[in-house]
């Protein structure tokens, strides 16, 4: 039973360490510089702006079905 707990701890430990370090760095940044000034989420979305349109499909010039086959080896 103990072996399973050790294995689980070893698997989760890197994620916990990374999360704790990220939290520490964010708290340190907040205390040094204050709240984030990122206002990107407050801008309205322009519904009339052009959007991505895929390029038109090109007509296949090669209509010969045997053209894409490998040559026969003799």
PDB file of N, CA and C in Angstrom:
ATOM      1  N   UNK A   1       0.830  -1.192   0.000  1.00  0.00           N
ATOM      2  CA  UNK A   1       0.000   0.000   0.000  1.00  0.00           C
ATOM      3  C   UNK A   1       0.874   1.255   0.000  1.00  0.00           C
ATOM      4  N   UNK A   2       1.948   1.219   0.721  1.00  0.00           N
ATOM      5  CA  UNK A   2       2.822   2.385   0.818  1.00  0.00           C
ATOM      6  C   UNK A   2       3.506   2.678  -0.508  1.00  0.00           C
ATOM      7  N   UNK A   3       3.811   1.650  -1.275  1.00  0.00           N
ATOM      8  CA  UNK A   3       4.479   1.845  -2.555  1.00  0.00           C
ATOM      9  C   UNK A   3       3.624   2.668  -3.511  1.00  0.00           C
ATOM     10  N   UNK A   4       2.309   2.463  -3.458  1.00  0.00           N
ATOM     11  CA  UNK A   4       1.415   3.218  -4.328  1.00  0.00           C
ATOM     12  C   UNK A   4       1.415   4.695  -3.950  1.00  0.00           C
ATOM     13  N   UNK A   5       1.440   4.965  -2.663  1.00  0.00           N
ATOM     14  CA  UNK A   5       1.435   6.365  -2.206  1.00  0.00           C
ATOM     15  C   UNK A   5       2.719   7.076  -2.623  1.00  0.00           C
ATOM     16  N   UNK A   6       3.828   6.395  -2.506  1.00  0.00           N
ATOM     17  CA  UNK A   6       5.109   6.990  -2.900  1.00  0.00           C
ATOM     18  C   UNK A   6       5.113   7.264  -4.396  1.00  0.00           C
ATOM     19  N   UNK A   7       4.608   6.339  -5.168  1.00  0.00           N
ATOM     20  CA  UNK A   7       4.553   6.514  -6.618  1.00  0.00           C
ATOM     21  C   UNK A   7       3.661   7.696  -6.990  1.00  0.00           C
ATOM     22  N   UNK A   8       2.515   7.803  -6.349  1.00  0.00           N
ATOM     23  CA  UNK A   8       1.603   8.919  -6.623  1.00  0.00           C
ATOM     24  C   UNK A   8       2.252  10.245  -6.260  1.00  0.00           C
ATOM     25  N   UNK A   9       2.930  10.284  -5.134  1.00  0.00           N
ATOM     26  CA  UNK A   9       3.610  11.519  -4.720  1.00  0.00           C
ATOM     27  C   UNK A   9       4.709  11.880  -5.713  1.00  0.00           C
ATOM     28  N   UNK A  10       5.464  10.899  -6.164  1.00  0.00           N
ATOM     29  CA  UNK A  10       6.534  11.173  -7.127  1.00  0.00           C
ATOM     30  C   UNK A  10       5.990  11.661  -8.462  1.00  0.00           C
ATOM     31  N   UNK A  11       4.823  11.181  -8.850  1.00  0.00           N
ATOM     32  CA  UNK A  11       4.226  11.630 -10.108  1.00  0.00           C
ATOM     33  C   UNK A  11       3.688  13.049  -9.976  1.00  0.00           C
ATOM     34  N   UNK A  12       3.058  13.355  -8.848  1.00  0.00           N
ATOM     35  CA  UNK A  12       2.430  14.667  -8.673  1.00  0.00           C
ATOM     36  C   UNK A  12       3.404  15.761  -8.239  1.00  0.00           C
ATOM     37  N   UNK A  13       4.515  15.393  -7.642  1.00  0.00           N
ATOM     38  CA  UNK A  13       5.448  16.374  -7.094  1.00  0.00           C
ATOM     39  C   UNK A  13       5.941  17.408  -8.111  1.00  0.00           C
ATOM     40  N   UNK A  14       6.337  17.041  -9.330  1.00  0.00           N
ATOM     41  CA  UNK A  14       6.788  18.071 -10.280  1.00  0.00           C
ATOM     42  C   UNK A  14       5.701  19.100 -10.602  1.00  0.00           C
ATOM     43  N   UNK A  15       4.459  18.652 -10.730  1.00  0.00           N
ATOM     44  CA  UNK A  15       3.368  19.580 -11.027  1.00  0.00           C
ATOM     45  C   UNK A  15       3.118  20.525  -9.855  1.00  0.00           C
ATOM     46  N   UNK A  16       3.189  20.001  -8.647  1.00  0.00           N
ATOM     47  CA  UNK A  16       2.990  20.830  -7.457  1.00  0.00           C
ATOM     48  C   UNK A  16       4.104  21.862  -7.349  1.00  0.00           C
ATOM     49  N   UNK A  17       5.331  21.450  -7.607  1.00  0.00           N
ATOM     50  CA  UNK A  17       6.469  22.375  -7.526  1.00  0.00           C
ATOM     51  C   UNK A  17       6.336  23.476  -8.572  1.00  0.00           C
ATOM     52  N   UNK A  18       5.981  23.120  -9.797  1.00  0.00           N
ATOM     53  CA  UNK A  18       5.834  24.122 -10.859  1.00  0.00           C
ATOM     54  C   UNK A  18       4.707  25.089 -10.531  1.00  0.00           C
ATOM     55  N   UNK A  19       3.586  24.581 -10.055  1.00  0.00           N
ATOM     56  CA  UNK A  19       2.460  25.442  -9.702  1.00  0.00           C
ATOM     57  C   UNK A  19       2.822  26.361  -8.545  1.00  0.00           C
ATOM     58  N   UNK A  20       3.509  25.840  -7.538  1.00  0.00           N
ATOM     59  CA  UNK A  20       3.903  26.662  -6.391  1.00  0.00           C
ATOM     60  C   UNK A  20       4.875  27.758  -6.821  1.00  0.00           C
ATOM     61  N   UNK A  21       5.811  27.439  -7.702  1.00  0.00           N
ATOM     62  CA  UNK A  21       6.764  28.456  -8.169  1.00  0.00           C
ATOM     63  C   UNK A  21       6.059  29.531  -8.994  1.00  0.00           C
ATOM     64  N   UNK A  22       5.126  29.128  -9.848  1.00  0.00           N
ATOM     65  CA  UNK A  22       4.374  30.107 -10.632  1.00  0.00           C
ATOM     66  C   UNK A  22       3.561  31.014  -9.718  1.00  0.00           C
ATOM     67  N   UNK A  23       2.967  30.442  -8.686  1.00  0.00           N
ATOM     68  CA  UNK A  23       2.200  31.245  -7.740  1.00  0.00           C
ATOM     69  C   UNK A  23       3.124  32.213  -7.000  1.00  0.00           C
ATOM     70  N   UNK A  24       4.294  31.745  -6.580  1.00  0.00           N
ATOM     71  CA  UNK A  24       5.253  32.606  -5.897  1.00  0.00           C
ATOM     72  C   UNK A  24       5.690  33.767  -6.796  1.00  0.00           C
ATOM     73  N   UNK A  25       5.995  33.473  -8.060  1.00  0.00           N
ATOM     74  CA  UNK A  25       6.426  34.527  -8.974  1.00  0.00           C
ATOM     75  C   UNK A  25       5.309  35.531  -9.239  1.00  0.00           C
ATOM     76  N   UNK A  26       4.072  35.069  -9.345  1.00  0.00           N
ATOM     77  CA  UNK A  26       2.952  35.975  -9.585  1.00  0.00           C
ATOM     78  C   UNK A  26       2.687  36.854  -8.370  1.00  0.00           C
ATOM     79  N   UNK A  27       2.751  36.291  -7.178  1.00  0.00           N
ATOM     80  CA  UNK A  27       2.555  37.097  -5.962  1.00  0.00           C
ATOM     81  C   UNK A  27       3.679  38.116  -5.840  1.00  0.00           C
ATOM     82  N   UNK A  28       4.902  37.713  -6.131  1.00  0.00           N
ATOM     83  CA  UNK A  28       6.035  38.645  -6.068  1.00  0.00           C
ATOM     84  C   UNK A  28       5.872  39.779  -7.080  1.00  0.00           C
ATOM     85  N   UNK A  29       5.401  39.447  -8.304  1.00  0.00           N
ATOM     86  CA  UNK A  29       5.165  40.474  -9.309  1.00  0.00           C
ATOM     87  C   UNK A  29       4.058  41.416  -8.870  1.00  0.00           C
ATOM     88  N   UNK A  30       2.999  40.868  -8.292  1.00  0.00           N
ATOM     89  CA  UNK A  30       1.870  41.686  -7.838  1.00  0.00           C
ATOM     90  C   UNK A  30       2.308  42.645  -6.732  1.00  0.00           C
ATOM     91  N   UNK A  31       3.111  42.171  -5.796  1.00  0.00           N
ATOM     92  CA  UNK A  31       3.559  43.032  -4.702  1.00  0.00           C
ATOM     93  C   UNK A  31       4.524  44.108  -5.194  1.00  0.00           C
ATOM     94  N   UNK A  32       5.294  43.805  -6.224  1.00  0.00           N
ATOM     95  CA  UNK A  32       6.273  44.764  -6.731  1.00  0.00           C
ATOM     96  C   UNK A  32       5.644  45.795  -7.663  1.00  0.00           C
ATOM     97  N   UNK A  33       4.761  45.360  -8.582  1.00  0.00           N
ATOM     98  CA  UNK A  33       4.224  46.246  -9.614  1.00  0.00           C
ATOM     99  C   UNK A  33       2.741  46.556  -9.463  1.00  0.00           C
ATOM    100  N   UNK A  34       2.039  45.865  -8.613  1.00  0.00           N
ATOM    101  CA  UNK A  34       0.606  46.096  -8.455  1.00  0.00           C
ATOM    102  C   UNK A  34      -0.205  45.241  -9.417  1.00  0.00           C
ATOM    103  N   UNK A  35      -1.489  45.557  -9.490  1.00  0.00           N
ATOM    104  CA  UNK A  35      -2.396  44.771 -10.331  1.00  0.00           C
ATOM    105  C   UNK A  35      -2.014  44.890 -11.802  1.00  0.00           C
ATOM    106  N   UNK A  36      -2.352  43.880 -12.562  1.00  0.00           N
ATOM    107  CA  UNK A  36      -2.058  43.861 -13.988  1.00  0.00           C
ATOM    108  C   UNK A  36      -2.833  44.957 -14.704  1.00  0.00           C
ATOM    109  N   UNK A  37      -2.195  45.582 -15.679  1.00  0.00           N
ATOM    110  CA  UNK A  37      -2.839  46.637 -16.463  1.00  0.00           C
ATOM    111  C   UNK A  37      -3.306  46.103 -17.813  1.00  0.00           C
ATOM    112  N   UNK A  38      -3.456  44.810 -17.929  1.00  0.00           N
ATOM    113  CA  UNK A  38      -3.893  44.191 -19.173  1.00  0.00           C
ATOM    114  C   UNK A  38      -5.392  44.410 -19.330  1.00  0.00           C
ATOM    115  N   UNK A  39      -5.777  45.291 -20.237  1.00  0.00           N
ATOM    116  CA  UNK A  39      -7.187  45.616 -20.453  1.00  0.00           C
ATOM    117  C   UNK A  39      -7.731  44.975 -21.720  1.00  0.00           C
ATOM    118  N   UNK A  40      -7.087  43.972 -22.218  1.00  0.00           N
ATOM    119  CA  UNK A  40      -7.492  43.359 -23.474  1.00  0.00           C
ATOM    120  C   UNK A  40      -8.914  42.808 -23.400  1.00  0.00           C
ATOM    121  N   UNK A  41      -9.313  42.274 -22.274  1.00  0.00           N
ATOM    122  CA  UNK A  41     -10.638  41.673 -22.151  1.00  0.00           C
ATOM    123  C   UNK A  41     -11.742  42.722 -22.104  1.00  0.00           C
ATOM    124  N   UNK A  42     -11.415  43.970 -21.854  1.00  0.00           N
ATOM    125  CA  UNK A  42     -12.455  44.989 -21.736  1.00  0.00           C
ATOM    126  C   UNK A  42     -12.842  45.595 -23.082  1.00  0.00           C
ATOM    127  N   UNK A  43     -12.101  45.291 -24.152  1.00  0.00           N
ATOM    128  CA  UNK A  43     -12.442  45.837 -25.464  1.00  0.00           C
ATOM    129  C   UNK A  43     -13.601  45.061 -26.075  1.00  0.00           C
ATOM    130  N   UNK A  44     -14.542  45.761 -26.723  1.00  0.00           N
ATOM    131  CA  UNK A  44     -15.656  45.051 -27.356  1.00  0.00           C
ATOM    132  C   UNK A  44     -15.179  44.316 -28.614  1.00  0.00           C
ATOM    133  N   UNK A  45     -15.880  43.272 -28.957  1.00  0.00           N
ATOM    134  CA  UNK A  45     -15.560  42.501 -30.162  1.00  0.00           C
ATOM    135  C   UNK A  45     -16.324  43.105 -31.328  1.00  0.00           C
ATOM    136  N   UNK A  46     -15.611  43.423 -32.399  1.00  0.00           N
ATOM    137  CA  UNK A  46     -16.244  44.000 -33.581  1.00  0.00           C
ATOM    138  C   UNK A  46     -16.860  42.874 -34.406  1.00  0.00           C
ATOM    139  N   UNK A  47     -18.174  42.789 -34.397  1.00  0.00           N
ATOM    140  CA  UNK A  47     -18.868  41.723 -35.121  1.00  0.00           C
ATOM    141  C   UNK A  47     -18.803  41.917 -36.633  1.00  0.00           C
ATOM    142  N   UNK A  48     -18.517  43.136 -37.112  1.00  0.00           N
ATOM    143  CA  UNK A  48     -18.481  43.418 -38.545  1.00  0.00           C
ATOM    144  C   UNK A  48     -17.076  43.320 -39.132  1.00  0.00           C
ATOM    145  N   UNK A  49     -16.106  42.986 -38.307  1.00  0.00           N
ATOM    146  CA  UNK A  49     -14.733  42.886 -38.785  1.00  0.00           C
ATOM    147  C   UNK A  49     -14.600  41.685 -39.720  1.00  0.00           C
ATOM    148  N   UNK A  50     -13.702  41.783 -40.701  1.00  0.00           N
ATOM    149  CA  UNK A  50     -13.524  40.642 -41.609  1.00  0.00           C
ATOM    150  C   UNK A  50     -12.964  39.445 -40.843  1.00  0.00           C
ATOM    151  N   UNK A  51     -13.378  38.279 -41.231  1.00  0.00           N
ATOM    152  CA  UNK A  51     -12.915  37.068 -40.574  1.00  0.00           C
ATOM    153  C   UNK A  51     -12.118  36.229 -41.562  1.00  0.00           C
ATOM    154  N   UNK A  52     -11.550  35.191 -41.057  1.00  0.00           N
ATOM    155  CA  UNK A  52     -10.758  34.299 -41.902  1.00  0.00           C
ATOM    156  C   UNK A  52     -11.674  33.554 -42.858  1.00  0.00           C
ATOM    157  N   UNK A  53     -11.300  33.560 -44.117  1.00  0.00           N
ATOM    158  CA  UNK A  53     -12.015  32.777 -45.115  1.00  0.00           C
ATOM    159  C   UNK A  53     -10.994  31.891 -45.806  1.00  0.00           C
ATOM    160  N   UNK A  54     -11.242  30.601 -45.864  1.00  0.00           N
ATOM    161  CA  UNK A  54     -10.270  29.715 -46.501  1.00  0.00           C
ATOM    162  C   UNK A  54     -10.141  30.041 -47.983  1.00  0.00           C
ATOM    163  N   UNK A  55      -8.962  29.814 -48.558  1.00  0.00           N
ATOM    164  CA  UNK A  55      -8.776  30.100 -49.985  1.00  0.00           C
ATOM    165  C   UNK A  55      -9.674  29.200 -50.829  1.00  0.00           C
ATOM    166  N   UNK A  56     -10.035  29.668 -52.005  1.00  0.00           N
ATOM    167  CA  UNK A  56     -10.899  28.834 -52.856  1.00  0.00           C
ATOM    168  C   UNK A  56     -10.161  27.568 -53.278  1.00  0.00           C
ATOM    169  N   UNK A  57     -10.908  26.502 -53.428  1.00  0.00           N
ATOM    170  CA  UNK A  57     -10.300  25.242 -53.846  1.00  0.00           C
ATOM    171  C   UNK A  57      -9.911  25.330 -55.310  1.00  0.00           C
ATOM    172  N   UNK A  58      -8.713  24.864 -55.606  1.00  0.00           N
ATOM    173  CA  UNK A  58      -8.238  24.893 -56.983  1.00  0.00           C
ATOM    174  C   UNK A  58      -8.717  23.639 -57.702  1.00  0.00           C
ATOM    175  N   UNK A  59      -9.051  23.800 -58.960  1.00  0.00           N
ATOM    176  CA  UNK A  59      -9.476  22.649 -59.763  1.00  0.00           C
ATOM    177  C   UNK A  59      -8.268  21.764 -60.013  1.00  0.00           C
ATOM    178  N   UNK A  60      -8.471  20.474 -59.943  1.00  0.00           N
ATOM    179  CA  UNK A  60      -7.364  19.550 -60.160  1.00  0.00           C
ATOM    180  C   UNK A  60      -7.058  19.492 -61.650  1.00  0.00           C
ATOM    181  N   UNK A  61      -5.822  19.859 -62.011  1.00  0.00           N
ATOM    182  CA  UNK A  61      -5.440  19.918 -63.417  1.00  0.00           C
ATOM    183  C   UNK A  61      -5.169  18.527 -63.983  1.00  0.00           C
ATOM    184  N   UNK A  62      -4.685  17.640 -63.147  1.00  0.00           N
ATOM    185  CA  UNK A  62      -4.316  16.310 -63.612  1.00  0.00           C
ATOM    186  C   UNK A  62      -5.513  15.380 -63.441  1.00  0.00           C
ATOM    187  N   UNK A  63      -6.141  15.016 -64.556  1.00  0.00           N
ATOM    188  CA  UNK A  63      -7.314  14.146 -64.492  1.00  0.00           C
ATOM    189  C   UNK A  63      -6.969  12.693 -64.785  1.00  0.00           C
ATOM    190  N   UNK A  64      -5.705  12.405 -65.079  1.00  0.00           N
ATOM    191  CA  UNK A  64      -5.282  11.043 -65.374  1.00  0.00           C
ATOM    192  C   UNK A  64      -5.104  10.282 -64.052  1.00  0.00           C
ATOM    193  N   UNK A  65      -5.906   9.224 -63.784  1.00  0.00           N
ATOM    194  CA  UNK A  65      -5.794   8.517 -62.505  1.00  0.00           C
ATOM    195  C   UNK A  65      -4.495   7.739 -62.365  1.00  0.00           C
ATOM    196  N   UNK A  66      -3.837   7.400 -63.482  1.00  0.00           N
ATOM    197  CA  UNK A  66      -2.594   6.641 -63.413  1.00  0.00           C
ATOM    198  C   UNK A  66      -1.374   7.536 -63.217  1.00  0.00           C
ATOM    199  N   UNK A  67      -1.546   8.819 -63.240  1.00  0.00           N
ATOM    200  CA  UNK A  67      -0.413   9.734 -63.162  1.00  0.00           C
ATOM    201  C   UNK A  67       0.242   9.712 -61.786  1.00  0.00           C
ATOM    202  N   UNK A  68      -0.493   9.396 -60.736  1.00  0.00           N
ATOM    203  CA  UNK A  68       0.051   9.447 -59.386  1.00  0.00           C
ATOM    204  C   UNK A  68       0.520   8.090 -58.885  1.00  0.00           C
ATOM    205  N   UNK A  69       0.501   7.078 -59.733  1.00  0.00           N
ATOM    206  CA  UNK A  69       0.942   5.757 -59.319  1.00  0.00           C
ATOM    207  C   UNK A  69       2.436   5.613 -59.566  1.00  0.00           C
ATOM    208  N   UNK A  70       3.062   4.830 -58.717  1.00  0.00           N
ATOM    209  CA  UNK A  70       4.492   4.574 -58.868  1.00  0.00           C
ATOM    210  C   UNK A  70       4.718   3.689 -60.091  1.00  0.00           C
ATOM    211  N   UNK A  71       5.839   3.879 -60.769  1.00  0.00           N
ATOM    212  CA  UNK A  71       6.118   3.035 -61.944  1.00  0.00           C
ATOM    213  C   UNK A  71       6.346   1.587 -61.515  1.00  0.00           C
ATOM    214  N   UNK A  72       5.986   0.676 -62.400  1.00  0.00           N
ATOM    215  CA  UNK A  72       6.160  -0.751 -62.118  1.00  0.00           C
ATOM    216  C   UNK A  72       7.637  -1.107 -62.180  1.00  0.00           C
ATOM    217  N   UNK A  73       8.085  -1.891 -61.188  1.00  0.00           N
ATOM    218  CA  UNK A  73       9.472  -2.358 -61.181  1.00  0.00           C
ATOM    219  C   UNK A  73       9.539  -3.697 -61.888  1.00  0.00           C
ATOM    220  N   UNK A  74      10.544  -3.867 -62.723  1.00  0.00           N
ATOM    221  CA  UNK A  74      10.705  -5.125 -63.464  1.00  0.00           C
ATOM    222  C   UNK A  74      12.004  -5.774 -63.132  1.00  0.00           C
TER     223      UNK A  74
END
